[in-house]
Amino acid sequence: MSRERLTVNGRGYAWPDRPLVVVCIDGSEPDYIERAIQAGAMPYLGGALAGGSSGASLLADAVVPSFTNPNNLSIVTGVPPAVHGISGNYFYDRESGAEVMMNDPKYLRAGTILAAFARAGARVAVVTAKDKLRRLLGHEMAGICFSSEKAGETTVAEHGIADALGMVGRPLPDVYSADLSEFVFAAGVKLMESSAPDVMYLSTTDYVQHKHAPGTAPANDFYRMMDGYLGKLAAAGATLALTADHGMNAKTDAAGQPRVIYLQDVLDDWLGAGRARVILPITDPYVVHHGALGSFATVYLPDGADTPALSARVQALPGMALVLTGDDGCQRFELPPDRMGDLIAVSERDAVIGTGVAKHDLSGLDAPLRSHGGVTEQRVPLILNRPVRGVPPERRLRNFDAFDLALNFAG
């Protein structure tokens, strides 16, 4: 087993001097952790951060669009989507003329830190809540990689473990539940005890954050659960690096009703039905808690369209925060131009973008709409349970610096 410094996608990483656990807490607005610590719901993490002597509590910027797949892949590759290629959960494939889920590793353009350490001989384990991420996170990685969602279907050949459900010793959780995330943490603790991984990546689901604001009792209960498992991982000697893929905000008007810009309907009215195409990168198979409504969209315009004029008209829509040409948007947000349209649209903090009124089923919402995707959900926590030294104060921290800080600057 090599213990030499590894270079992945142009960045260097030292070999871990103790087990490393990087956690992506899906949808974790920084206020969730701050309010939970204040409420006494996170005694381990609160103690680890007290006075800054044991750990580091930092803030970082996530990738925009602030959605699950592009940010998780940025965290495990250490680079933005312009390099690794995953620009959303869902995109329009110009070559095939089809709208597709971007959960196949064939869309990934960069190797992961996880795979690099595994190739160098490290024991690596990955547990993610939803199976949509598993194949991407585990691409070309030798080791254990499975999801809570499909823990009852694991095989050694595909997942590196024969019976993940039996190993964890918990019932298979419902995909729309806080239990899906708790299973991730329980699995992480069991793996630390049984397999002693050198590097482990845990990724949760934002079911709780979509329903409950920071500081509410259900939110604090969720973070209390998490804190118990973090304490166990730390007691096993692990360095912990916690970050998030995005924050979360209420997307409602004063009456608590969803505030939606139905952009496809607007463009159909302006240009004619179907001449423009609106793509919502938040779209995935799990839409009950957000109705496929997020704060980021990309628009494909018909040939000959007056792009600057249409950009200005879309920008003027109530609730719209920012509209850029595809090239300008890709440069600003570090996105791959071939997977974005002619316009990139970002809504305000309390608004979301949809396609058409008839295309979004909000009947599954049992709480006021909370969602993400825009610049207003870009700020996320970046917390380590060991002190961080030597980071230049002027450096802009990103959530995809988690491995860098943990391996090169912590302790």
Protein backbone atom coordinates (compact mmCIF):
# COMPACT_ATOMS: atom_id res chain seq x y z
CA MET A 1 0.00 0.00 0.00
CA SER A 2 1.42 3.33 -1.09
CA ARG A 3 1.33 6.21 1.38
CA GLU A 4 2.68 8.76 -1.03
CA ARG A 5 0.84 11.99 -1.72
CA LEU A 6 -1.81 11.54 -4.41
CA THR A 7 -2.67 13.97 -7.18
CA VAL A 8 -6.29 13.92 -8.36
CA ASN A 9 -7.60 16.33 -11.00
CA GLY A 10 -4.61 18.61 -10.47
CA ARG A 11 -4.89 18.78 -6.66
CA GLY A 12 -2.59 17.07 -4.18
CA TYR A 13 -3.81 15.07 -1.18
CA ALA A 14 -1.76 13.72 1.71
CA TRP A 15 -2.36 10.19 2.94
CA PRO A 16 -4.72 10.20 5.98
CA ASP A 17 -2.90 9.87 9.31
CA ARG A 18 -6.08 8.40 10.78
CA PRO A 19 -9.44 7.29 9.33
CA LEU A 20 -11.13 10.11 7.37
CA VAL A 21 -14.92 10.42 7.18
CA VAL A 22 -16.30 13.10 4.84
CA VAL A 23 -20.03 13.70 5.26
CA CYS A 24 -22.31 15.53 2.83
CA ILE A 25 -25.37 16.57 4.86
CA ASP A 26 -27.94 17.04 2.11
CA GLY A 27 -29.76 20.37 2.29
CA SER A 28 -27.97 21.58 5.41
CA GLU A 29 -28.30 25.34 5.57
CA PRO A 30 -25.61 26.46 8.08
CA ASP A 31 -28.34 27.61 10.45
CA TYR A 32 -29.49 24.03 11.02
CA ILE A 33 -26.27 23.10 12.79
CA GLU A 34 -25.92 26.43 14.58
CA ARG A 35 -29.47 26.28 15.96
CA ALA A 36 -29.12 22.63 16.94
CA ILE A 37 -25.92 23.32 18.86
CA GLN A 38 -27.56 26.28 20.59
CA ALA A 39 -30.47 24.04 21.57
CA GLY A 40 -28.11 21.47 23.08
CA ALA A 41 -29.05 18.91 20.42
CA MET A 42 -25.47 18.36 19.24
CA PRO A 43 -23.33 17.90 22.35
CA TYR A 44 -20.50 16.12 20.53
CA LEU A 45 -20.13 18.65 17.71
CA GLY A 46 -20.74 21.61 20.00
CA GLY A 47 -18.00 20.39 22.30
CA ALA A 48 -15.62 19.71 19.43
CA LEU A 49 -16.04 23.28 18.19
CA ALA A 50 -16.03 25.02 21.58
CA GLY A 51 -13.51 27.84 21.49
CA GLY A 52 -12.09 26.60 18.19
CA SER A 53 -9.40 24.61 20.02
CA SER A 54 -10.47 21.15 18.84
CA GLY A 55 -12.22 21.75 15.53
CA ALA A 56 -12.98 24.30 12.84
CA SER A 57 -16.38 25.72 11.90
CA LEU A 58 -16.12 27.40 8.51
CA LEU A 59 -18.46 28.51 5.75
CA ALA A 60 -18.04 27.61 2.11
CA ASP A 61 -19.76 28.04 -1.23
CA ALA A 62 -21.45 25.11 -2.91
CA VAL A 63 -21.72 24.65 -6.65
CA VAL A 64 -24.54 26.41 -8.52
CA PRO A 65 -26.92 24.88 -9.48
CA SER A 66 -27.15 24.05 -5.79
CA PHE A 67 -28.48 20.53 -6.35
CA THR A 68 -27.45 17.11 -5.11
CA ASN A 69 -25.55 15.45 -7.94
CA PRO A 70 -23.31 18.30 -9.11
CA ASN A 71 -22.26 19.09 -5.55
CA ASN A 72 -21.64 15.53 -4.39
CA LEU A 73 -19.52 14.93 -7.46
CA SER A 74 -17.62 18.17 -6.88
CA ILE A 75 -16.90 17.10 -3.29
CA VAL A 76 -15.51 13.69 -4.31
CA THR A 77 -13.53 15.00 -7.30
CA GLY A 78 -12.31 18.26 -5.73
CA VAL A 79 -13.25 20.27 -8.81
CA PRO A 80 -16.29 22.14 -10.20
CA PRO A 81 -18.75 20.76 -12.78
CA ALA A 82 -16.85 22.43 -15.64
CA VAL A 83 -14.22 19.74 -15.00
CA HIS A 84 -16.21 16.70 -13.83
CA GLY A 85 -19.18 17.28 -16.14
CA ILE A 86 -22.14 16.61 -13.80
CA SER A 87 -24.11 19.85 -14.03
CA GLY A 88 -27.40 18.72 -12.54
CA ASN A 89 -29.59 15.77 -11.71
CA TYR A 90 -31.16 16.01 -15.15
CA PHE A 91 -30.14 17.55 -18.47
CA TYR A 92 -30.91 17.79 -22.17
CA ASP A 93 -28.59 15.62 -24.26
CA ARG A 94 -28.22 17.54 -27.52
CA GLU A 95 -26.69 14.56 -29.32
CA SER A 96 -29.60 12.21 -28.65
CA GLY A 97 -32.26 14.93 -28.46
CA ALA A 98 -33.49 13.47 -25.17
CA GLU A 99 -33.94 14.71 -21.63
CA VAL A 100 -32.11 12.28 -19.35
CA MET A 101 -31.08 11.63 -15.77
CA MET A 102 -27.37 12.32 -15.34
CA ASN A 103 -26.80 9.38 -12.98
CA ASP A 104 -24.81 7.18 -15.37
CA PRO A 105 -21.02 7.24 -14.91
CA LYS A 106 -20.64 7.74 -18.66
CA TYR A 107 -21.43 11.42 -18.04
CA LEU A 108 -18.58 11.79 -15.54
CA ARG A 109 -15.46 13.43 -17.00
CA ALA A 110 -13.07 13.22 -14.05
CA GLY A 111 -11.90 10.56 -11.64
CA THR A 112 -12.76 10.70 -7.96
CA ILE A 113 -10.55 11.10 -4.91
CA LEU A 114 -12.19 7.94 -3.59
CA ALA A 115 -11.13 5.83 -6.57
CA ALA A 116 -7.61 7.25 -6.47
CA PHE A 117 -7.11 6.30 -2.83
CA ALA A 118 -8.56 2.85 -3.46
CA ARG A 119 -6.12 2.31 -6.35
CA ALA A 120 -3.28 3.31 -4.04
CA GLY A 121 -4.31 0.60 -1.61
CA ALA A 122 -6.54 2.43 0.84
CA ARG A 123 -9.67 0.78 2.24
CA VAL A 124 -12.51 2.96 0.93
CA ALA A 125 -16.22 2.87 1.74
CA VAL A 126 -19.16 4.91 0.47
CA VAL A 127 -22.72 4.95 1.78
CA THR A 128 -25.31 7.22 0.17
CA ALA A 129 -28.98 7.61 0.97
CA LYS A 130 -30.45 7.37 -2.52
CA ASP A 131 -29.31 4.98 -5.20
CA LYS A 132 -29.24 7.72 -7.86
CA LEU A 133 -25.79 8.74 -6.60
CA ARG A 134 -24.25 5.34 -5.92
CA ARG A 135 -22.89 4.51 -9.36
CA LEU A 136 -21.38 7.97 -9.81
CA LEU A 137 -19.72 8.04 -6.39
CA GLY A 138 -18.41 4.51 -6.79
CA HIS A 139 -17.18 4.89 -10.37
CA GLU A 140 -13.93 2.91 -10.86
CA MET A 141 -13.61 2.57 -7.07
CA ALA A 142 -12.57 -0.72 -5.49
CA GLY A 143 -14.23 -1.00 -2.11
CA ILE A 144 -17.65 -0.88 -0.47
CA CYS A 145 -20.30 1.33 -2.06
CA PHE A 146 -24.04 1.00 -1.48
CA SER A 147 -27.17 3.06 -0.79
CA SER A 148 -29.63 3.00 2.09
CA GLU A 149 -32.41 2.80 -0.46
CA LYS A 150 -31.15 -0.51 -1.93
CA ALA A 151 -29.30 -1.92 1.09
CA GLY A 152 -31.33 -5.13 0.85
CA GLU A 153 -29.99 -5.86 -2.64
CA THR A 154 -26.22 -5.62 -2.21
CA THR A 155 -23.74 -8.11 -3.70
CA VAL A 156 -19.99 -8.43 -3.33
CA ALA A 157 -19.55 -8.12 -7.09
CA GLU A 158 -21.40 -4.81 -7.44
CA HIS A 159 -21.32 -3.21 -3.99
CA GLY A 160 -18.34 -4.78 -2.27
CA ILE A 161 -20.55 -6.24 0.47
CA ALA A 162 -22.94 -9.19 0.41
CA ASP A 163 -25.56 -8.20 2.99
CA ALA A 164 -25.47 -4.52 3.88
CA LEU A 165 -28.89 -4.70 5.49
CA GLY A 166 -27.80 -7.51 7.78
CA MET A 167 -24.52 -5.75 8.56
CA VAL A 168 -26.31 -2.58 9.67
CA GLY A 169 -28.99 -4.48 11.56
CA ARG A 170 -31.78 -1.99 10.91
CA PRO A 171 -34.98 -2.32 8.83
CA LEU A 172 -34.83 -1.12 5.24
CA PRO A 173 -35.90 2.55 5.46
CA ASP A 174 -38.55 4.27 3.39
CA VAL A 175 -37.04 6.54 0.74
CA TYR A 176 -39.18 9.44 2.01
CA SER A 177 -38.08 9.41 5.64
CA ALA A 178 -35.46 10.64 8.07
CA ASP A 179 -34.62 6.96 8.59
CA LEU A 180 -32.98 6.89 5.15
CA SER A 181 -30.29 9.25 6.44
CA GLU A 182 -30.00 7.57 9.83
CA PHE A 183 -29.29 4.31 8.01
CA VAL A 184 -26.32 6.03 6.31
CA PHE A 185 -24.81 7.01 9.67
CA ALA A 186 -25.56 3.64 11.27
CA ALA A 187 -23.86 1.95 8.32
CA GLY A 188 -20.86 4.26 8.66
CA VAL A 189 -20.40 3.33 12.32
CA LYS A 190 -20.76 -0.40 11.58
CA LEU A 191 -18.26 -0.18 8.73
CA MET A 192 -15.80 1.68 10.93
CA GLU A 193 -16.08 -1.12 13.48
CA SER A 194 -15.93 -4.02 11.02
CA SER A 195 -13.85 -2.84 8.06
CA ALA A 196 -11.78 0.06 9.44
CA PRO A 197 -11.82 2.07 6.20
CA ASP A 198 -9.04 4.60 5.66
CA VAL A 199 -11.43 6.87 3.77
CA MET A 200 -15.22 6.90 4.03
CA TYR A 201 -17.79 9.12 2.32
CA LEU A 202 -21.33 9.41 3.69
CA SER A 203 -24.10 11.27 1.86
CA THR A 204 -27.58 11.81 3.33
CA THR A 205 -30.96 12.92 1.97
CA ASP A 206 -32.69 16.27 2.55
CA TYR A 207 -36.12 14.86 3.42
CA VAL A 208 -36.12 16.62 6.81
CA GLN A 209 -34.80 19.94 5.47
CA HIS A 210 -37.46 20.06 2.76
CA LYS A 211 -40.11 19.91 5.47
CA HIS A 212 -38.69 21.64 8.52
CA ALA A 213 -36.89 24.96 9.04
CA PRO A 214 -33.75 25.33 11.18
CA GLY A 215 -34.40 25.35 14.91
CA THR A 216 -37.71 23.52 14.75
CA ALA A 217 -38.15 20.47 16.94
CA PRO A 218 -38.08 17.93 14.05
CA ALA A 219 -34.94 19.55 12.61
CA ASN A 220 -33.18 19.56 15.98
CA ASP A 221 -34.18 15.93 16.54
CA PHE A 222 -32.63 15.00 13.20
CA TYR A 223 -29.36 16.75 14.02
CA ARG A 224 -29.38 15.18 17.51
CA MET A 225 -29.53 11.78 15.84
CA MET A 226 -26.67 12.72 13.56
CA ASP A 227 -24.57 14.02 16.43
CA GLY A 228 -24.76 10.69 18.24
CA TYR A 229 -23.27 8.86 15.26
CA LEU A 230 -20.65 11.57 14.67
CA GLY A 231 -19.53 11.10 18.26
CA LYS A 232 -19.14 7.37 17.71
CA LEU A 233 -17.09 7.90 14.55
CA ALA A 234 -14.88 10.40 16.36
CA ALA A 235 -14.46 7.99 19.29
CA ALA A 236 -13.10 5.48 16.77
CA GLY A 237 -10.35 7.99 16.01
CA ALA A 238 -11.73 9.45 12.78
CA THR A 239 -11.13 12.87 11.34
CA LEU A 240 -14.57 14.22 10.43
CA ALA A 241 -15.20 16.74 7.65
CA LEU A 242 -18.83 17.85 7.36
CA THR A 243 -20.24 19.91 4.53
CA ALA A 244 -23.41 20.11 2.43
CA ASP A 245 -24.47 20.01 -1.18
CA HIS A 246 -26.77 23.01 -0.78
CA GLY A 247 -28.82 25.02 1.66
CA MET A 248 -32.61 25.23 1.78
CA ASN A 249 -35.18 28.05 1.80
CA ALA A 250 -38.93 28.48 1.96
CA LYS A 251 -40.28 29.09 -1.56
CA THR A 252 -43.66 30.57 -0.67
CA ASP A 253 -45.60 33.81 -0.61
CA ALA A 254 -46.98 35.51 2.50
CA ALA A 255 -49.92 33.08 2.53
CA GLY A 256 -47.62 30.06 2.46
CA GLN A 257 -48.44 29.14 -1.14
CA PRO A 258 -45.68 28.07 -3.57
CA ARG A 259 -44.24 31.03 -5.48
CA VAL A 260 -43.57 29.56 -8.92
CA ILE A 261 -42.43 31.05 -12.22
CA TYR A 262 -43.82 28.68 -14.86
CA LEU A 263 -41.19 29.55 -17.43
CA GLN A 264 -42.15 27.07 -20.18
CA ASP A 265 -45.70 28.44 -20.18
CA VAL A 266 -44.31 31.98 -20.44
CA LEU A 267 -42.01 31.15 -23.35
CA ASP A 268 -44.74 29.18 -25.14
CA ASP A 269 -46.90 32.29 -24.90
CA TRP A 270 -44.14 34.53 -26.23
CA LEU A 271 -42.65 32.29 -28.95
CA GLY A 272 -45.23 29.61 -29.70
CA ALA A 273 -45.76 26.22 -28.10
CA GLY A 274 -42.65 24.07 -27.88
CA ARG A 275 -40.27 26.39 -29.69
CA ALA A 276 -38.16 26.90 -26.58
CA ARG A 277 -37.29 24.14 -24.11
CA VAL A 278 -36.93 24.69 -20.35
CA ILE A 279 -34.83 22.15 -18.46
CA LEU A 280 -35.02 21.87 -14.67
CA PRO A 281 -31.85 20.17 -13.37
CA ILE A 282 -33.51 19.42 -10.01
CA THR A 283 -35.64 16.75 -11.69
CA ASP A 284 -35.05 13.22 -10.42
CA PRO A 285 -37.21 10.22 -9.48
CA TYR A 286 -37.84 11.61 -5.97
CA VAL A 287 -40.12 14.61 -6.54
CA VAL A 288 -42.74 14.20 -3.80
CA HIS A 289 -41.11 16.67 -1.41
CA HIS A 290 -40.31 19.39 -3.97
CA GLY A 291 -42.51 18.75 -7.01
CA ALA A 292 -39.45 19.11 -9.32
CA LEU A 293 -39.40 22.83 -8.47
CA GLY A 294 -36.05 24.48 -7.80
CA SER A 295 -34.43 27.89 -8.21
CA PHE A 296 -32.34 27.13 -11.31
CA ALA A 297 -33.28 26.45 -14.93
CA THR A 298 -31.60 26.42 -18.29
CA VAL A 299 -33.38 27.35 -21.52
CA TYR A 300 -32.79 26.16 -25.08
CA LEU A 301 -33.99 28.77 -27.58
CA PRO A 302 -35.02 28.22 -31.20
CA ASP A 303 -32.64 29.06 -34.01
CA GLY A 304 -32.65 32.77 -34.83
CA ALA A 305 -34.02 33.83 -31.45
CA ASP A 306 -33.00 37.24 -30.13
CA THR A 307 -31.12 35.92 -27.11
CA PRO A 308 -30.29 39.28 -25.45
CA ALA A 309 -33.89 40.50 -25.79
CA LEU A 310 -35.35 37.26 -24.42
CA SER A 311 -32.84 37.29 -21.59
CA ALA A 312 -34.00 40.77 -20.61
CA ARG A 313 -37.68 39.76 -20.76
CA VAL A 314 -37.12 36.67 -18.62
CA GLN A 315 -35.05 38.75 -16.18
CA ALA A 316 -38.03 41.09 -15.77
CA LEU A 317 -40.41 38.33 -14.64
CA PRO A 318 -41.54 38.70 -11.01
CA GLY A 319 -39.46 36.43 -8.78
CA MET A 320 -36.53 36.11 -11.20
CA ALA A 321 -33.16 37.09 -9.71
CA LEU A 322 -30.65 36.54 -12.50
CA VAL A 323 -30.67 35.58 -16.17
CA LEU A 324 -27.43 35.05 -18.09
CA THR A 325 -26.51 33.78 -21.50
CA GLY A 326 -25.34 30.18 -21.45
CA ASP A 327 -21.70 31.15 -21.97
CA ASP A 328 -21.75 33.83 -19.27
CA GLY A 329 -23.59 31.57 -16.85
CA CYS A 330 -21.17 28.69 -17.41
CA GLN A 331 -18.22 30.98 -16.82
CA ARG A 332 -19.72 32.45 -13.63
CA PHE A 333 -20.85 29.13 -12.15
CA GLU A 334 -18.06 26.92 -13.59
CA LEU A 335 -20.40 24.69 -15.61
CA PRO A 336 -19.84 22.63 -18.78
CA PRO A 337 -21.21 24.67 -21.72
CA ASP A 338 -22.27 21.61 -23.72
CA ARG A 339 -24.68 20.61 -20.93
CA MET A 340 -26.32 23.99 -20.50
CA GLY A 341 -28.75 25.84 -22.76
CA ASP A 342 -28.78 29.31 -24.33
CA LEU A 343 -29.97 30.96 -21.11
CA ILE A 344 -29.38 30.23 -17.44
CA ALA A 345 -32.10 31.50 -15.09
CA VAL A 346 -31.93 31.75 -11.29
CA SER A 347 -34.91 32.74 -9.18
CA GLU A 348 -35.06 34.82 -6.00
CA ARG A 349 -34.67 33.36 -2.51
CA ASP A 350 -38.41 32.78 -2.03
CA ALA A 351 -39.28 31.63 -5.57
CA VAL A 352 -38.81 28.57 -7.77
CA ILE A 353 -38.88 27.92 -11.51
CA GLY A 354 -41.20 25.39 -13.13
CA THR A 355 -42.06 24.43 -16.67
CA GLY A 356 -45.85 24.45 -17.03
CA VAL A 357 -48.67 24.57 -14.50
CA ALA A 358 -49.91 21.19 -15.75
CA LYS A 359 -46.45 19.59 -15.47
CA HIS A 360 -45.90 19.84 -11.69
CA ASP A 361 -47.80 17.71 -9.22
CA LEU A 362 -47.76 19.41 -5.83
CA SER A 363 -50.35 17.11 -4.30
CA GLY A 364 -47.64 15.26 -2.38
CA LEU A 365 -46.59 18.35 -0.44
CA ASP A 366 -47.72 18.06 3.18
CA ALA A 367 -45.80 21.16 4.29
CA PRO A 368 -45.12 24.60 2.71
CA LEU A 369 -42.67 24.26 -0.17
CA ARG A 370 -38.98 24.45 0.74
CA SER A 371 -36.42 23.97 -2.00
CA HIS A 372 -33.03 24.98 -3.41
CA GLY A 373 -30.97 25.36 -6.56
CA GLY A 374 -30.06 29.02 -6.66
CA VAL A 375 -27.37 31.35 -5.40
CA THR A 376 -29.35 31.85 -2.18
CA GLU A 377 -28.73 28.20 -1.27
CA GLN A 378 -25.02 28.30 -2.13
CA ARG A 379 -23.67 29.01 1.37
CA VAL A 380 -22.99 25.79 3.29
CA PRO A 381 -21.11 24.65 6.40
CA LEU A 382 -17.60 23.24 6.24
CA ILE A 383 -16.80 21.79 9.67
CA LEU A 384 -13.90 19.65 10.88
CA ASN A 385 -13.41 18.04 14.27
CA ARG A 386 -9.70 18.91 14.16
CA PRO A 387 -8.19 22.39 14.01
CA VAL A 388 -7.38 23.72 10.55
CA ARG A 389 -4.10 25.64 10.14
CA GLY A 390 -2.34 27.33 7.28
CA VAL A 391 -5.29 28.11 4.99
CA PRO A 392 -4.74 31.56 3.43
CA PRO A 393 -7.36 33.95 4.86
CA GLU A 394 -8.19 35.31 1.42
CA ARG A 395 -8.94 31.87 -0.02
CA ARG A 396 -12.52 31.32 -1.13
CA LEU A 397 -13.58 28.06 0.45
CA ARG A 398 -15.79 25.66 -1.46
CA ASN A 399 -17.61 22.56 -0.27
CA PHE A 400 -15.37 20.60 -2.63
CA ASP A 401 -12.37 21.65 -0.51
CA ALA A 402 -13.48 19.17 2.19
CA PHE A 403 -10.90 16.51 1.33
CA ASP A 404 -8.19 19.14 0.85
CA LEU A 405 -8.74 20.72 4.28
CA ALA A 406 -9.08 17.37 6.04
CA LEU A 407 -5.97 15.80 4.51
CA ASN A 408 -3.69 18.81 4.00
CA PHE A 409 -4.55 21.34 6.71
CA ALA A 410 -6.27 19.58 9.63
CA GLY A 411 -4.54 18.57 12.84
